[in-house]
Every structure is written in structure tokens, then in C-alpha cells.
Amino acid sequence: MKLESIRIFLSTLLEYRGVRITQTFNSADGKTLTVKCEPSTGEFVIRDMSKEITWECQTIEEASSLIVGYLHLETPKVNA
């Protein structure tokens, strides 16, 4: 998935954060990553379901970089 596509998904989550949408991404090796936007702060909460690790990202740029790294099998280094 391209970085710009992920940014669009995150922009939608931010715009509709009061609806509490959760976006799910799957890596090539079968791990699942979920992303939601906190209604009160606009912060992105990203969770690796296989390792039960959670990251909190303040911006679309920060969150999209973490997701792209995850999808391309890199270890996320944001708030780890």
C-alpha cells in the first residue's frame, strides 16, 4: 500500500473521529495492525495485534510512516 493511500485513510479517521472508526491493515506475513483516532484529542492509536504493542501518534505523517514501515516488515520505532 502506498504512503499517500494510507494518509487518505488517516485523514478520514481524523475527520470522522467522533464515529469511532477502526481501520485494519495486514502485513505480508499475516500480522494485523489496527488504527483508530481518539475522539477528544485526534491522536492516532496504532496497535499490533500479534505482539499486543500500542503506539500513539500525534500526526498523520507520524502515523503513516509507522504503518508503511509495518507493512514493509520494518520494526516501528515511534513511541516504542
PDB file of N, CA and C in Angstrom:
ATOM      1  N   MET A   1       0.849  -1.171   0.000  1.00  0.00           N
ATOM      2  CA  MET A   1       0.000   0.000   0.000  1.00  0.00           C
ATOM      3  C   MET A   1       0.897   1.236   0.000  1.00  0.00           C
ATOM      4  N   LYS A   2       0.504   2.214  -0.769  1.00  0.00           N
ATOM      5  CA  LYS A   2       1.302   3.426  -0.905  1.00  0.00           C
ATOM      6  C   LYS A   2       1.064   4.383   0.254  1.00  0.00           C
ATOM      7  N   LEU A   3       2.097   5.175   0.543  1.00  0.00           N
ATOM      8  CA  LEU A   3       2.051   6.146   1.634  1.00  0.00           C
ATOM      9  C   LEU A   3       0.873   7.105   1.471  1.00  0.00           C
ATOM     10  N   GLU A   4       0.637   7.588   0.266  1.00  0.00           N
ATOM     11  CA  GLU A   4      -0.455   8.544   0.042  1.00  0.00           C
ATOM     12  C   GLU A   4      -1.811   7.915   0.339  1.00  0.00           C
ATOM     13  N   SER A   5      -1.995   6.651   0.001  1.00  0.00           N
ATOM     14  CA  SER A   5      -3.256   5.954   0.303  1.00  0.00           C
ATOM     15  C   SER A   5      -3.470   5.862   1.811  1.00  0.00           C
ATOM     16  N   ILE A   6      -2.411   5.582   2.539  1.00  0.00           N
ATOM     17  CA  ILE A   6      -2.505   5.496   3.997  1.00  0.00           C
ATOM     18  C   ILE A   6      -2.841   6.855   4.581  1.00  0.00           C
ATOM     19  N   ARG A   7      -2.241   7.907   4.061  1.00  0.00           N
ATOM     20  CA  ARG A   7      -2.559   9.269   4.527  1.00  0.00           C
ATOM     21  C   ARG A   7      -4.038   9.588   4.332  1.00  0.00           C
ATOM     22  N   ILE A   8      -4.599   9.150   3.207  1.00  0.00           N
ATOM     23  CA  ILE A   8      -6.020   9.393   2.937  1.00  0.00           C
ATOM     24  C   ILE A   8      -6.884   8.659   3.960  1.00  0.00           C
ATOM     25  N   PHE A   9      -6.553   7.395   4.245  1.00  0.00           N
ATOM     26  CA  PHE A   9      -7.283   6.645   5.271  1.00  0.00           C
ATOM     27  C   PHE A   9      -7.227   7.376   6.614  1.00  0.00           C
ATOM     28  N   LEU A  10      -6.029   7.830   6.983  1.00  0.00           N
ATOM     29  CA  LEU A  10      -5.868   8.502   8.270  1.00  0.00           C
ATOM     30  C   LEU A  10      -6.609   9.837   8.305  1.00  0.00           C
ATOM     31  N   SER A  11      -6.622  10.548   7.195  1.00  0.00           N
ATOM     32  CA  SER A  11      -7.372  11.807   7.126  1.00  0.00           C
ATOM     33  C   SER A  11      -8.855  11.561   7.360  1.00  0.00           C
ATOM     34  N   THR A  12      -9.352  10.468   6.807  1.00  0.00           N
ATOM     35  CA  THR A  12     -10.762  10.113   7.003  1.00  0.00           C
ATOM     36  C   THR A  12     -11.026   9.771   8.466  1.00  0.00           C
ATOM     37  N   LEU A  13     -10.134   9.000   9.084  1.00  0.00           N
ATOM     38  CA  LEU A  13     -10.286   8.677  10.506  1.00  0.00           C
ATOM     39  C   LEU A  13     -10.325   9.946  11.346  1.00  0.00           C
ATOM     40  N   LEU A  14      -9.445  10.887  11.035  1.00  0.00           N
ATOM     41  CA  LEU A  14      -9.385  12.139  11.786  1.00  0.00           C
ATOM     42  C   LEU A  14     -10.654  12.967  11.580  1.00  0.00           C
ATOM     43  N   GLU A  15     -11.104  13.045  10.343  1.00  0.00           N
ATOM     44  CA  GLU A  15     -12.291  13.846  10.036  1.00  0.00           C
ATOM     45  C   GLU A  15     -13.545  13.291  10.724  1.00  0.00           C
ATOM     46  N   TYR A  16     -13.639  11.975  10.818  1.00  0.00           N
ATOM     47  CA  TYR A  16     -14.813  11.333  11.405  1.00  0.00           C
ATOM     48  C   TYR A  16     -14.509  10.678  12.748  1.00  0.00           C
ATOM     49  N   ARG A  17     -13.600  11.261  13.506  1.00  0.00           N
ATOM     50  CA  ARG A  17     -13.164  10.638  14.758  1.00  0.00           C
ATOM     51  C   ARG A  17     -14.288  10.445  15.769  1.00  0.00           C
ATOM     52  N   GLY A  18     -15.332  11.223  15.709  1.00  0.00           N
ATOM     53  CA  GLY A  18     -16.457  11.055  16.610  1.00  0.00           C
ATOM     54  C   GLY A  18     -17.267   9.791  16.347  1.00  0.00           C
ATOM     55  N   VAL A  19     -17.086   9.201  15.171  1.00  0.00           N
ATOM     56  CA  VAL A  19     -17.796   7.984  14.787  1.00  0.00           C
ATOM     57  C   VAL A  19     -17.085   6.739  15.311  1.00  0.00           C
ATOM     58  N   ARG A  20     -15.831   6.888  15.694  1.00  0.00           N
ATOM     59  CA  ARG A  20     -15.009   5.793  16.228  1.00  0.00           C
ATOM     60  C   ARG A  20     -14.794   4.670  15.222  1.00  0.00           C
ATOM     61  N   ILE A  21     -14.261   5.014  14.076  1.00  0.00           N
ATOM     62  CA  ILE A  21     -13.915   4.051  13.033  1.00  0.00           C
ATOM     63  C   ILE A  21     -12.577   3.413  13.381  1.00  0.00           C
ATOM     64  N   THR A  22     -12.443   2.129  13.121  1.00  0.00           N
ATOM     65  CA  THR A  22     -11.165   1.435  13.271  1.00  0.00           C
ATOM     66  C   THR A  22     -10.759   0.890  11.909  1.00  0.00           C
ATOM     67  N   GLN A  23      -9.538   1.192  11.486  1.00  0.00           N
ATOM     68  CA  GLN A  23      -9.003   0.703  10.218  1.00  0.00           C
ATOM     69  C   GLN A  23      -8.041  -0.442  10.517  1.00  0.00           C
ATOM     70  N   THR A  24      -8.118  -1.507   9.741  1.00  0.00           N
ATOM     71  CA  THR A  24      -7.250  -2.663   9.937  1.00  0.00           C
ATOM     72  C   THR A  24      -6.327  -2.822   8.740  1.00  0.00           C
ATOM     73  N   PHE A  25      -5.051  -3.071   9.024  1.00  0.00           N
ATOM     74  CA  PHE A  25      -4.058  -3.345   7.994  1.00  0.00           C
ATOM     75  C   PHE A  25      -3.442  -4.703   8.302  1.00  0.00           C
ATOM     76  N   ASN A  26      -3.129  -5.473   7.261  1.00  0.00           N
ATOM     77  CA  ASN A  26      -2.460  -6.757   7.433  1.00  0.00           C
ATOM     78  C   ASN A  26      -1.133  -6.727   6.702  1.00  0.00           C
ATOM     79  N   SER A  27      -0.085  -7.198   7.360  1.00  0.00           N
ATOM     80  CA  SER A  27       1.239  -7.239   6.736  1.00  0.00           C
ATOM     81  C   SER A  27       1.345  -8.476   5.854  1.00  0.00           C
ATOM     82  N   ALA A  28       2.371  -8.536   5.027  1.00  0.00           N
ATOM     83  CA  ALA A  28       2.579  -9.663   4.125  1.00  0.00           C
ATOM     84  C   ALA A  28       2.762 -10.973   4.878  1.00  0.00           C
ATOM     85  N   ASP A  29       3.266 -10.885   6.102  1.00  0.00           N
ATOM     86  CA  ASP A  29       3.480 -12.110   6.877  1.00  0.00           C
ATOM     87  C   ASP A  29       2.314 -12.434   7.812  1.00  0.00           C
ATOM     88  N   GLY A  30       1.172 -11.759   7.620  1.00  0.00           N
ATOM     89  CA  GLY A  30      -0.052 -12.124   8.323  1.00  0.00           C
ATOM     90  C   GLY A  30      -0.317 -11.428   9.648  1.00  0.00           C
ATOM     91  N   LYS A  31       0.517 -10.482  10.060  1.00  0.00           N
ATOM     92  CA  LYS A  31       0.249  -9.736  11.292  1.00  0.00           C
ATOM     93  C   LYS A  31      -0.839  -8.696  11.046  1.00  0.00           C
ATOM     94  N   THR A  32      -1.563  -8.368  12.101  1.00  0.00           N
ATOM     95  CA  THR A  32      -2.667  -7.412  11.983  1.00  0.00           C
ATOM     96  C   THR A  32      -2.355  -6.151  12.782  1.00  0.00           C
ATOM     97  N   LEU A  33      -2.591  -5.022  12.145  1.00  0.00           N
ATOM     98  CA  LEU A  33      -2.386  -3.713  12.749  1.00  0.00           C
ATOM     99  C   LEU A  33      -3.723  -2.976  12.697  1.00  0.00           C
ATOM    100  N   THR A  34      -4.176  -2.437  13.832  1.00  0.00           N
ATOM    101  CA  THR A  34      -5.405  -1.647  13.848  1.00  0.00           C
ATOM    102  C   THR A  34      -5.066  -0.195  14.165  1.00  0.00           C
ATOM    103  N   VAL A  35      -5.859   0.710  13.596  1.00  0.00           N
ATOM    104  CA  VAL A  35      -5.648   2.147  13.801  1.00  0.00           C
ATOM    105  C   VAL A  35      -6.997   2.784  14.106  1.00  0.00           C
ATOM    106  N   LYS A  36      -7.020   3.595  15.149  1.00  0.00           N
ATOM    107  CA  LYS A  36      -8.215   4.382  15.448  1.00  0.00           C
ATOM    108  C   LYS A  36      -7.763   5.785  15.832  1.00  0.00           C
ATOM    109  N   CYS A  37      -8.699   6.711  15.786  1.00  0.00           N
ATOM    110  CA  CYS A  37      -8.409   8.095  16.128  1.00  0.00           C
ATOM    111  C   CYS A  37      -9.201   8.441  17.381  1.00  0.00           C
ATOM    112  N   GLU A  38      -8.506   8.907  18.405  1.00  0.00           N
ATOM    113  CA  GLU A  38      -9.169   9.272  19.654  1.00  0.00           C
ATOM    114  C   GLU A  38     -10.059  10.488  19.427  1.00  0.00           C
ATOM    115  N   PRO A  39     -11.337  10.386  19.794  1.00  0.00           N
ATOM    116  CA  PRO A  39     -12.288  11.475  19.540  1.00  0.00           C
ATOM    117  C   PRO A  39     -11.907  12.800  20.202  1.00  0.00           C
ATOM    118  N   SER A  40     -11.390  12.757  21.404  1.00  0.00           N
ATOM    119  CA  SER A  40     -11.134  14.002  22.133  1.00  0.00           C
ATOM    120  C   SER A  40      -9.825  14.688  21.746  1.00  0.00           C
ATOM    121  N   THR A  41      -8.828  13.917  21.319  1.00  0.00           N
ATOM    122  CA  THR A  41      -7.509  14.502  21.058  1.00  0.00           C
ATOM    123  C   THR A  41      -7.094  14.492  19.590  1.00  0.00           C
ATOM    124  N   GLY A  42      -7.699  13.609  18.775  1.00  0.00           N
ATOM    125  CA  GLY A  42      -7.277  13.472  17.386  1.00  0.00           C
ATOM    126  C   GLY A  42      -6.018  12.647  17.245  1.00  0.00           C
ATOM    127  N   GLU A  43      -5.567  12.064  18.340  1.00  0.00           N
ATOM    128  CA  GLU A  43      -4.355  11.234  18.336  1.00  0.00           C
ATOM    129  C   GLU A  43      -4.669   9.872  17.710  1.00  0.00           C
ATOM    130  N   PHE A  44      -3.725   9.339  16.947  1.00  0.00           N
ATOM    131  CA  PHE A  44      -3.890   8.027  16.345  1.00  0.00           C
ATOM    132  C   PHE A  44      -3.333   6.969  17.286  1.00  0.00           C
ATOM    133  N   VAL A  45      -4.127   5.944  17.548  1.00  0.00           N
ATOM    134  CA  VAL A  45      -3.706   4.829  18.378  1.00  0.00           C
ATOM    135  C   VAL A  45      -3.552   3.630  17.453  1.00  0.00           C
ATOM    136  N   ILE A  46      -2.329   3.140  17.360  1.00  0.00           N
ATOM    137  CA  ILE A  46      -1.997   2.050  16.449  1.00  0.00           C
ATOM    138  C   ILE A  46      -1.593   0.848  17.288  1.00  0.00           C
ATOM    139  N   ARG A  47      -2.186  -0.295  16.985  1.00  0.00           N
ATOM    140  CA  ARG A  47      -1.949  -1.487  17.792  1.00  0.00           C
ATOM    141  C   ARG A  47      -1.569  -2.668  16.911  1.00  0.00           C
ATOM    142  N   ASP A  48      -0.451  -3.293  17.246  1.00  0.00           N
ATOM    143  CA  ASP A  48      -0.020  -4.540  16.614  1.00  0.00           C
ATOM    144  C   ASP A  48      -0.704  -5.657  17.386  1.00  0.00           C
ATOM    145  N   MET A  49      -1.695  -6.283  16.779  1.00  0.00           N
ATOM    146  CA  MET A  49      -2.500  -7.280  17.474  1.00  0.00           C
ATOM    147  C   MET A  49      -1.728  -8.555  17.794  1.00  0.00           C
ATOM    148  N   SER A  50      -0.724  -8.892  16.995  1.00  0.00           N
ATOM    149  CA  SER A  50       0.027 -10.125  17.238  1.00  0.00           C
ATOM    150  C   SER A  50       0.994  -9.993  18.407  1.00  0.00           C
ATOM    151  N   LYS A  51       1.534  -8.811  18.607  1.00  0.00           N
ATOM    152  CA  LYS A  51       2.501  -8.596  19.698  1.00  0.00           C
ATOM    153  C   LYS A  51       1.898  -7.811  20.854  1.00  0.00           C
ATOM    154  N   GLU A  52       0.653  -7.364  20.686  1.00  0.00           N
ATOM    155  CA  GLU A  52      -0.029  -6.555  21.698  1.00  0.00           C
ATOM    156  C   GLU A  52       0.785  -5.316  22.092  1.00  0.00           C
ATOM    157  N   ILE A  53       1.309  -4.646  21.080  1.00  0.00           N
ATOM    158  CA  ILE A  53       2.072  -3.408  21.266  1.00  0.00           C
ATOM    159  C   ILE A  53       1.216  -2.261  20.739  1.00  0.00           C
ATOM    160  N   THR A  54       1.226  -1.145  21.463  1.00  0.00           N
ATOM    161  CA  THR A  54       0.444   0.022  21.056  1.00  0.00           C
ATOM    162  C   THR A  54       1.356   1.237  20.922  1.00  0.00           C
ATOM    163  N   TRP A  55       1.131   2.002  19.861  1.00  0.00           N
ATOM    164  CA  TRP A  55       1.835   3.267  19.657  1.00  0.00           C
ATOM    165  C   TRP A  55       0.809   4.377  19.590  1.00  0.00           C
ATOM    166  N   GLU A  56       1.185   5.557  20.025  1.00  0.00           N
ATOM    167  CA  GLU A  56       0.331   6.736  19.921  1.00  0.00           C
ATOM    168  C   GLU A  56       1.049   7.761  19.066  1.00  0.00           C
ATOM    169  N   CYS A  57       0.390   8.206  18.017  1.00  0.00           N
ATOM    170  CA  CYS A  57       0.979   9.162  17.084  1.00  0.00           C
ATOM    171  C   CYS A  57       0.157  10.442  17.067  1.00  0.00           C
ATOM    172  N   GLN A  58       0.839  11.559  17.087  1.00  0.00           N
ATOM    173  CA  GLN A  58       0.187  12.859  17.142  1.00  0.00           C
ATOM    174  C   GLN A  58      -0.260  13.375  15.777  1.00  0.00           C
ATOM    175  N   THR A  59       0.404  12.946  14.707  1.00  0.00           N
ATOM    176  CA  THR A  59       0.137  13.499  13.382  1.00  0.00           C
ATOM    177  C   THR A  59      -0.118  12.397  12.354  1.00  0.00           C
ATOM    178  N   ILE A  60      -0.732  12.783  11.248  1.00  0.00           N
ATOM    179  CA  ILE A  60      -0.944  11.860  10.137  1.00  0.00           C
ATOM    180  C   ILE A  60       0.397  11.401   9.594  1.00  0.00           C
ATOM    181  N   GLU A  61       1.348  12.300   9.506  1.00  0.00           N
ATOM    182  CA  GLU A  61       2.672  11.970   8.975  1.00  0.00           C
ATOM    183  C   GLU A  61       3.364  10.903   9.830  1.00  0.00           C
ATOM    184  N   GLU A  62       3.334  11.090  11.128  1.00  0.00           N
ATOM    185  CA  GLU A  62       3.952  10.141  12.057  1.00  0.00           C
ATOM    186  C   GLU A  62       3.265   8.770  11.966  1.00  0.00           C
ATOM    187  N   ALA A  63       1.949   8.761  11.961  1.00  0.00           N
ATOM    188  CA  ALA A  63       1.194   7.507  11.906  1.00  0.00           C
ATOM    189  C   ALA A  63       1.394   6.802  10.566  1.00  0.00           C
ATOM    190  N   SER A  64       1.367   7.545   9.472  1.00  0.00           N
ATOM    191  CA  SER A  64       1.517   6.918   8.159  1.00  0.00           C
ATOM    192  C   SER A  64       2.914   6.322   7.988  1.00  0.00           C
ATOM    193  N   SER A  65       3.924   6.973   8.509  1.00  0.00           N
ATOM    194  CA  SER A  65       5.287   6.427   8.440  1.00  0.00           C
ATOM    195  C   SER A  65       5.400   5.120   9.215  1.00  0.00           C
ATOM    196  N   LEU A  66       4.774   5.072  10.383  1.00  0.00           N
ATOM    197  CA  LEU A  66       4.792   3.854  11.184  1.00  0.00           C
ATOM    198  C   LEU A  66       4.076   2.720  10.444  1.00  0.00           C
ATOM    199  N   ILE A  67       2.930   3.015   9.862  1.00  0.00           N
ATOM    200  CA  ILE A  67       2.152   1.990   9.159  1.00  0.00           C
ATOM    201  C   ILE A  67       2.894   1.475   7.932  1.00  0.00           C
ATOM    202  N   VAL A  68       3.474   2.375   7.149  1.00  0.00           N
ATOM    203  CA  VAL A  68       4.236   1.956   5.970  1.00  0.00           C
ATOM    204  C   VAL A  68       5.397   1.054   6.383  1.00  0.00           C
ATOM    205  N   GLY A  69       6.100   1.422   7.447  1.00  0.00           N
ATOM    206  CA  GLY A  69       7.187   0.580   7.948  1.00  0.00           C
ATOM    207  C   GLY A  69       6.690  -0.796   8.353  1.00  0.00           C
ATOM    208  N   TYR A  70       5.542  -0.837   8.983  1.00  0.00           N
ATOM    209  CA  TYR A  70       4.939  -2.102   9.417  1.00  0.00           C
ATOM    210  C   TYR A  70       4.583  -2.964   8.210  1.00  0.00           C
ATOM    211  N   LEU A  71       3.954  -2.368   7.229  1.00  0.00           N
ATOM    212  CA  LEU A  71       3.545  -3.122   6.053  1.00  0.00           C
ATOM    213  C   LEU A  71       4.723  -3.633   5.238  1.00  0.00           C
ATOM    214  N   HIS A  72       5.842  -2.953   5.357  1.00  0.00           N
ATOM    215  CA  HIS A  72       7.042  -3.369   4.628  1.00  0.00           C
ATOM    216  C   HIS A  72       8.021  -4.098   5.538  1.00  0.00           C
ATOM    217  N   LEU A  73       7.475  -4.637   6.637  1.00  0.00           N
ATOM    218  CA  LEU A  73       8.197  -5.507   7.560  1.00  0.00           C
ATOM    219  C   LEU A  73       9.353  -4.848   8.291  1.00  0.00           C
ATOM    220  N   GLU A  74       9.284  -3.548   8.503  1.00  0.00           N
ATOM    221  CA  GLU A  74      10.266  -2.851   9.322  1.00  0.00           C
ATOM    222  C   GLU A  74       9.719  -2.763  10.737  1.00  0.00           C
ATOM    223  N   THR A  75      10.575  -2.688  11.726  1.00  0.00           N
ATOM    224  CA  THR A  75      10.127  -2.540  13.100  1.00  0.00           C
ATOM    225  C   THR A  75       9.818  -1.078  13.386  1.00  0.00           C
ATOM    226  N   PRO A  76       8.566  -0.756  13.765  1.00  0.00           N
ATOM    227  CA  PRO A  76       8.237   0.647  14.081  1.00  0.00           C
ATOM    228  C   PRO A  76       9.061   1.168  15.243  1.00  0.00           C
ATOM    229  N   LYS A  77       9.515   2.412  15.137  1.00  0.00           N
ATOM    230  CA  LYS A  77      10.364   2.996  16.173  1.00  0.00           C
ATOM    231  C   LYS A  77       9.705   4.185  16.843  1.00  0.00           C
ATOM    232  N   VAL A  78       8.407   4.402  16.610  1.00  0.00           N
ATOM    233  CA  VAL A  78       7.695   5.542  17.166  1.00  0.00           C
ATOM    234  C   VAL A  78       7.116   5.170  18.511  1.00  0.00           C
ATOM    235  N   ASN A  79       7.468   5.893  19.570  1.00  0.00           N
ATOM    236  CA  ASN A  79       6.935   5.675  20.908  1.00  0.00           C
ATOM    237  C   ASN A  79       6.989   4.221  21.369  1.00  0.00           C
ATOM    238  N   ALA A  80       7.971   3.488  20.915  1.00  0.00           N
ATOM    239  CA  ALA A  80       8.055   2.056  21.278  1.00  0.00           C
ATOM    240  C   ALA A  80       8.603   1.882  22.676  1.00  0.00           C
TER     241      ALA A  80
END
